[in-house]
Amino acid sequence: MKGREEIIVLTDAMLITCVVQRGAGQTVVDAAMEAGAQGATVFYAQGTGVRDKRLGVLGVTITAEKEVVLIAVPSDQADHIFERMYLAAKLDTPGMGMMYMSPLEKMATYVPQDLAARYGRHD
């Protein structure tokens, strides 16, 4: 290895988590990427809750199979990406899913130098 190894830690980042019906994850990822996200992690899960089987008077069937989309984004882009994901997932429709955003205390991965100067610190 060349030189000193250093970890670039991003300290101004948010984690957006979006839980949607199975089959809708790619649509959410595509919207996030178009809005400026650099990547996503998608995995499958099974949901349960008080709305199992049918959703109230509407009679909307809600399946237990879910896709969970995780996207880490810079804080200054988070609201924009969150909004685009929400619209793409049609979360204003009953039974389509839910999403939330959490601050990340720190995260680390390969970071190009120009981004590191803007969002990170060296540990």
Protein backbone atom coordinates (compact mmCIF):
# COMPACT_ATOMS: atom_id res chain seq x y z
CA MET A 1 0.00 0.00 0.00
CA LYS A 2 1.09 3.50 -0.73
CA GLY A 3 1.33 6.15 1.96
CA ARG A 4 -0.74 6.45 5.08
CA GLU A 5 -4.15 4.81 5.25
CA GLU A 6 -6.89 7.17 6.33
CA ILE A 7 -10.60 6.88 6.74
CA ILE A 8 -12.72 9.67 5.37
CA VAL A 9 -15.78 9.93 7.57
CA LEU A 10 -18.86 11.73 6.29
CA THR A 11 -20.57 13.63 9.07
CA ASP A 12 -23.25 15.56 7.23
CA ALA A 13 -25.38 12.71 5.89
CA MET A 14 -28.89 11.33 6.21
CA LEU A 15 -30.29 7.83 5.77
CA ILE A 16 -33.58 7.58 3.90
CA THR A 17 -35.49 4.35 4.51
CA CYS A 18 -38.47 3.54 2.30
CA VAL A 19 -40.65 0.45 2.80
CA VAL A 20 -42.85 -0.33 -0.21
CA GLN A 21 -44.89 -3.16 -1.66
CA ARG A 22 -42.83 -5.84 -3.38
CA GLY A 23 -42.12 -4.81 -6.97
CA ALA A 24 -42.06 -1.06 -6.29
CA GLY A 25 -38.46 -0.80 -5.03
CA GLN A 26 -36.80 -0.20 -8.39
CA THR A 27 -39.17 2.68 -9.16
CA VAL A 28 -38.14 4.31 -5.87
CA VAL A 29 -34.43 3.73 -6.54
CA ASP A 30 -34.73 5.18 -10.05
CA ALA A 31 -36.43 8.33 -8.71
CA ALA A 32 -33.76 8.75 -6.03
CA MET A 33 -30.94 8.37 -8.55
CA GLU A 34 -32.55 10.89 -10.91
CA ALA A 35 -32.78 13.28 -7.94
CA GLY A 36 -29.06 12.97 -7.19
CA ALA A 37 -28.58 9.88 -4.98
CA GLN A 38 -25.39 7.95 -5.71
CA GLY A 39 -26.65 4.46 -4.94
CA ALA A 40 -29.09 2.36 -2.94
CA THR A 41 -29.43 -0.87 -1.03
CA VAL A 42 -32.62 -2.88 -1.52
CA PHE A 43 -33.66 -5.92 0.43
CA TYR A 44 -36.81 -7.95 0.94
CA ALA A 45 -38.79 -8.11 4.16
CA GLN A 46 -42.12 -9.26 5.50
CA GLY A 47 -44.43 -6.78 7.15
CA THR A 48 -47.25 -7.17 9.61
CA GLY A 49 -49.50 -4.86 11.59
CA VAL A 50 -53.02 -3.81 12.43
CA ARG A 51 -53.85 -3.46 8.74
CA ASP A 52 -53.10 -7.08 7.84
CA LYS A 53 -55.18 -8.52 5.03
CA ARG A 54 -57.45 -5.54 4.22
CA LEU A 55 -57.22 -1.80 4.70
CA GLY A 56 -60.46 -0.52 6.25
CA VAL A 57 -63.52 0.35 4.20
CA LEU A 58 -61.47 0.74 1.04
CA GLY A 59 -60.89 -3.01 0.94
CA VAL A 60 -57.35 -2.58 -0.41
CA THR A 61 -55.44 -5.83 -0.06
CA ILE A 62 -51.99 -5.31 1.49
CA THR A 63 -49.43 -8.02 0.88
CA ALA A 64 -46.93 -9.00 3.55
CA GLU A 65 -43.99 -9.00 1.12
CA LYS A 66 -42.11 -5.69 1.18
CA GLU A 67 -39.03 -4.12 -0.34
CA VAL A 68 -36.90 -1.90 1.85
CA VAL A 69 -34.81 0.77 0.11
CA LEU A 70 -31.93 2.36 2.03
CA ILE A 71 -30.18 5.42 0.63
CA ALA A 72 -27.48 7.48 2.34
CA VAL A 73 -27.42 11.05 1.03
CA PRO A 74 -25.74 14.36 1.87
CA SER A 75 -27.93 16.41 4.24
CA ASP A 76 -28.28 19.29 1.80
CA GLN A 77 -29.85 16.96 -0.81
CA ALA A 78 -31.94 14.85 1.58
CA ASP A 79 -35.26 16.73 1.44
CA HIS A 80 -35.29 16.84 -2.35
CA ILE A 81 -34.46 13.13 -2.71
CA PHE A 82 -36.97 12.21 0.03
CA GLU A 83 -39.76 14.07 -1.78
CA ARG A 84 -38.97 12.44 -5.13
CA MET A 85 -38.93 8.97 -3.53
CA TYR A 86 -42.24 9.65 -1.76
CA LEU A 87 -43.93 10.64 -5.01
CA ALA A 88 -42.45 7.73 -6.98
CA ALA A 89 -43.61 5.25 -4.33
CA LYS A 90 -47.11 6.80 -4.35
CA LEU A 91 -47.03 6.94 -0.57
CA ASP A 92 -49.98 9.33 -0.60
CA THR A 93 -52.08 6.24 -1.43
CA PRO A 94 -53.32 4.02 1.45
CA GLY A 95 -51.41 0.77 1.82
CA MET A 96 -48.48 1.67 -0.44
CA GLY A 97 -45.84 1.89 2.28
CA MET A 98 -43.98 4.34 4.46
CA MET A 99 -40.66 6.10 4.67
CA TYR A 100 -38.53 8.01 7.14
CA MET A 101 -35.25 9.88 7.31
CA SER A 102 -32.61 9.64 10.05
CA PRO A 103 -29.41 11.58 10.63
CA LEU A 104 -26.22 9.53 10.37
CA GLU A 105 -23.67 10.27 13.04
CA LYS A 106 -20.94 9.18 10.67
CA MET A 107 -20.47 6.95 7.66
CA ALA A 108 -17.45 5.80 5.70
CA THR A 109 -16.83 4.49 2.19
CA TYR A 110 -14.65 5.54 -0.72
CA VAL A 111 -15.17 9.27 -1.16
CA PRO A 112 -13.67 11.36 -3.98
CA GLN A 113 -11.47 14.15 -2.60
CA ASP A 114 -13.78 17.00 -3.71
CA LEU A 115 -16.71 15.50 -1.80
CA ALA A 116 -14.54 14.70 1.20
CA ALA A 117 -13.52 18.35 1.50
CA ARG A 118 -17.18 19.37 1.49
CA TYR A 119 -18.84 16.71 3.66
CA GLY A 120 -16.25 14.83 5.65
CA ARG A 121 -13.41 14.70 8.07
CA HIS A 122 -10.34 12.53 8.35
CA ASP A 123 -10.06 10.10 11.25
